[in-house]
Amino acid sequence: MNLDLTMDPNILVSIVNMKLRNDFDDIDDLVKYYDITKEELDSVLGKEEYFYCESKRQYLIK
């Protein structure tokens, strides 16, 4: 399966957060499944001021 890191970051963060809630135990499982790195995902979402909150297991806006 593929996660398109070039899509609109606001749509991407919505998809990622939904997947984290419903399908994966943590961010490490998600990035492994989609064959990307957390750094790649953080870089894309960070451009729109999103950051990963480990305690909530979600990307949040700064």
N, C-alpha and C. Protein backbone atom coordinates (compact mmCIF):
# COMPACT_ATOMS: atom_id res chain seq x y z
N MET A 1 0.84 -1.18 0.00
CA MET A 1 0.00 0.00 0.00
C MET A 1 0.88 1.24 0.00
N ASN A 2 0.36 2.33 -0.52
CA ASN A 2 1.13 3.54 -0.69
C ASN A 2 0.45 4.71 0.02
N LEU A 3 1.25 5.55 0.65
CA LEU A 3 0.77 6.78 1.25
C LEU A 3 1.43 7.91 0.49
N ASP A 4 0.63 8.69 -0.23
CA ASP A 4 1.15 9.73 -1.11
C ASP A 4 1.54 10.97 -0.31
N LEU A 5 2.83 11.15 -0.11
CA LEU A 5 3.32 12.29 0.66
C LEU A 5 3.23 13.60 -0.10
N THR A 6 2.81 13.55 -1.37
CA THR A 6 2.70 14.78 -2.16
C THR A 6 1.28 15.36 -2.12
N MET A 7 0.34 14.63 -1.49
CA MET A 7 -1.03 15.15 -1.44
C MET A 7 -1.10 16.36 -0.50
N ASP A 8 -2.21 17.06 -0.54
CA ASP A 8 -2.43 18.21 0.32
C ASP A 8 -2.14 17.80 1.77
N PRO A 9 -1.26 18.52 2.47
CA PRO A 9 -0.89 18.14 3.83
C PRO A 9 -2.07 18.08 4.80
N ASN A 10 -3.08 18.89 4.60
CA ASN A 10 -4.24 18.87 5.49
C ASN A 10 -5.06 17.59 5.30
N ILE A 11 -5.11 17.10 4.09
CA ILE A 11 -5.78 15.82 3.84
C ILE A 11 -4.90 14.68 4.36
N LEU A 12 -3.60 14.79 4.12
CA LEU A 12 -2.66 13.77 4.58
C LEU A 12 -2.72 13.61 6.09
N VAL A 13 -2.71 14.71 6.83
CA VAL A 13 -2.74 14.61 8.29
C VAL A 13 -4.04 13.98 8.77
N SER A 14 -5.12 14.27 8.08
CA SER A 14 -6.40 13.66 8.43
C SER A 14 -6.36 12.14 8.23
N ILE A 15 -5.81 11.72 7.12
CA ILE A 15 -5.70 10.28 6.83
C ILE A 15 -4.77 9.61 7.84
N VAL A 16 -3.62 10.22 8.08
CA VAL A 16 -2.64 9.64 9.02
C VAL A 16 -3.24 9.52 10.41
N ASN A 17 -3.90 10.56 10.89
CA ASN A 17 -4.49 10.50 12.22
C ASN A 17 -5.60 9.46 12.31
N MET A 18 -6.39 9.34 11.26
CA MET A 18 -7.43 8.31 11.23
C MET A 18 -6.80 6.92 11.30
N LYS A 19 -5.75 6.71 10.50
CA LYS A 19 -5.06 5.42 10.49
C LYS A 19 -4.45 5.12 11.86
N LEU A 20 -3.88 6.15 12.51
CA LEU A 20 -3.30 5.95 13.83
C LEU A 20 -4.38 5.59 14.86
N ARG A 21 -5.55 6.17 14.75
CA ARG A 21 -6.65 5.86 15.67
C ARG A 21 -7.20 4.45 15.43
N ASN A 22 -7.36 4.10 14.17
CA ASN A 22 -8.13 2.89 13.83
C ASN A 22 -7.31 1.66 13.48
N ASP A 23 -6.11 1.85 12.93
CA ASP A 23 -5.41 0.71 12.34
C ASP A 23 -4.04 0.39 12.90
N PHE A 24 -3.40 1.32 13.57
CA PHE A 24 -2.01 1.11 14.01
C PHE A 24 -1.85 1.42 15.49
N ASP A 25 -0.95 0.70 16.15
CA ASP A 25 -0.69 0.92 17.57
C ASP A 25 0.15 2.18 17.81
N ASP A 26 1.01 2.51 16.84
CA ASP A 26 1.85 3.69 17.01
C ASP A 26 2.40 4.14 15.66
N ILE A 27 3.10 5.25 15.68
CA ILE A 27 3.64 5.84 14.45
C ILE A 27 4.64 4.91 13.78
N ASP A 28 5.40 4.17 14.58
CA ASP A 28 6.40 3.26 14.01
C ASP A 28 5.74 2.18 13.15
N ASP A 29 4.62 1.65 13.61
CA ASP A 29 3.90 0.64 12.82
C ASP A 29 3.37 1.24 11.52
N LEU A 30 2.86 2.46 11.60
CA LEU A 30 2.31 3.12 10.40
C LEU A 30 3.39 3.35 9.35
N VAL A 31 4.52 3.94 9.75
CA VAL A 31 5.55 4.24 8.74
C VAL A 31 6.17 2.96 8.19
N LYS A 32 6.28 1.95 9.02
CA LYS A 32 6.81 0.66 8.53
C LYS A 32 5.86 0.07 7.48
N TYR A 33 4.58 0.09 7.76
CA TYR A 33 3.58 -0.45 6.84
C TYR A 33 3.62 0.27 5.49
N TYR A 34 3.74 1.60 5.53
CA TYR A 34 3.74 2.38 4.30
C TYR A 34 5.13 2.57 3.69
N ASP A 35 6.14 1.95 4.30
CA ASP A 35 7.51 1.98 3.79
C ASP A 35 8.02 3.41 3.60
N ILE A 36 7.80 4.21 4.64
CA ILE A 36 8.34 5.57 4.68
C ILE A 36 9.02 5.72 6.03
N THR A 37 9.71 6.83 6.24
CA THR A 37 10.30 7.09 7.54
C THR A 37 9.48 8.15 8.27
N LYS A 38 9.59 8.13 9.58
CA LYS A 38 8.89 9.15 10.37
C LYS A 38 9.45 10.53 10.01
N GLU A 39 10.73 10.60 9.71
CA GLU A 39 11.36 11.87 9.34
C GLU A 39 10.74 12.42 8.05
N GLU A 40 10.48 11.55 7.08
CA GLU A 40 9.83 12.00 5.84
C GLU A 40 8.44 12.56 6.13
N LEU A 41 7.67 11.83 6.93
CA LEU A 41 6.33 12.27 7.26
C LEU A 41 6.37 13.56 8.07
N ASP A 42 7.26 13.64 9.06
CA ASP A 42 7.40 14.86 9.85
C ASP A 42 7.80 16.06 9.00
N SER A 43 8.64 15.82 8.02
CA SER A 43 9.09 16.91 7.14
C SER A 43 7.93 17.47 6.33
N VAL A 44 7.13 16.59 5.75
CA VAL A 44 5.98 17.03 4.94
C VAL A 44 4.96 17.76 5.81
N LEU A 45 4.60 17.16 6.94
CA LEU A 45 3.57 17.76 7.78
C LEU A 45 4.10 18.95 8.57
N GLY A 46 5.38 18.95 8.86
CA GLY A 46 6.00 20.08 9.57
C GLY A 46 5.95 21.37 8.78
N LYS A 47 5.94 21.28 7.46
CA LYS A 47 5.84 22.48 6.62
C LYS A 47 4.53 23.23 6.84
N GLU A 48 3.52 22.51 7.32
CA GLU A 48 2.22 23.11 7.62
C GLU A 48 2.01 23.26 9.12
N GLU A 49 3.12 23.19 9.88
CA GLU A 49 3.09 23.41 11.33
C GLU A 49 2.47 22.26 12.13
N TYR A 50 2.43 21.05 11.56
CA TYR A 50 1.97 19.89 12.31
C TYR A 50 3.16 19.22 12.99
N PHE A 51 2.92 18.66 14.17
CA PHE A 51 3.94 17.90 14.87
C PHE A 51 3.29 16.66 15.47
N TYR A 52 4.10 15.63 15.68
CA TYR A 52 3.57 14.39 16.23
C TYR A 52 3.61 14.46 17.75
N CYS A 53 2.47 14.23 18.39
CA CYS A 53 2.35 14.20 19.85
C CYS A 53 2.27 12.74 20.28
N GLU A 54 3.34 12.26 20.92
CA GLU A 54 3.40 10.84 21.29
C GLU A 54 2.32 10.47 22.30
N SER A 55 2.02 11.35 23.24
CA SER A 55 1.04 11.01 24.27
C SER A 55 -0.37 10.86 23.72
N LYS A 56 -0.67 11.60 22.64
CA LYS A 56 -1.99 11.50 22.01
C LYS A 56 -2.00 10.60 20.79
N ARG A 57 -0.79 10.21 20.34
CA ARG A 57 -0.63 9.38 19.14
C ARG A 57 -1.32 10.01 17.92
N GLN A 58 -1.14 11.32 17.77
CA GLN A 58 -1.76 12.08 16.68
C GLN A 58 -0.84 13.21 16.26
N TYR A 59 -1.01 13.65 15.02
CA TYR A 59 -0.37 14.88 14.59
C TYR A 59 -1.29 16.03 14.95
N LEU A 60 -0.70 17.04 15.58
CA LEU A 60 -1.45 18.22 16.01
C LEU A 60 -0.84 19.46 15.36
N ILE A 61 -1.60 20.53 15.33
CA ILE A 61 -1.10 21.79 14.78
C ILE A 61 -0.39 22.55 15.90
N LYS A 62 0.70 23.21 15.55
CA LYS A 62 1.44 23.99 16.56
C LYS A 62 0.66 25.20 17.00
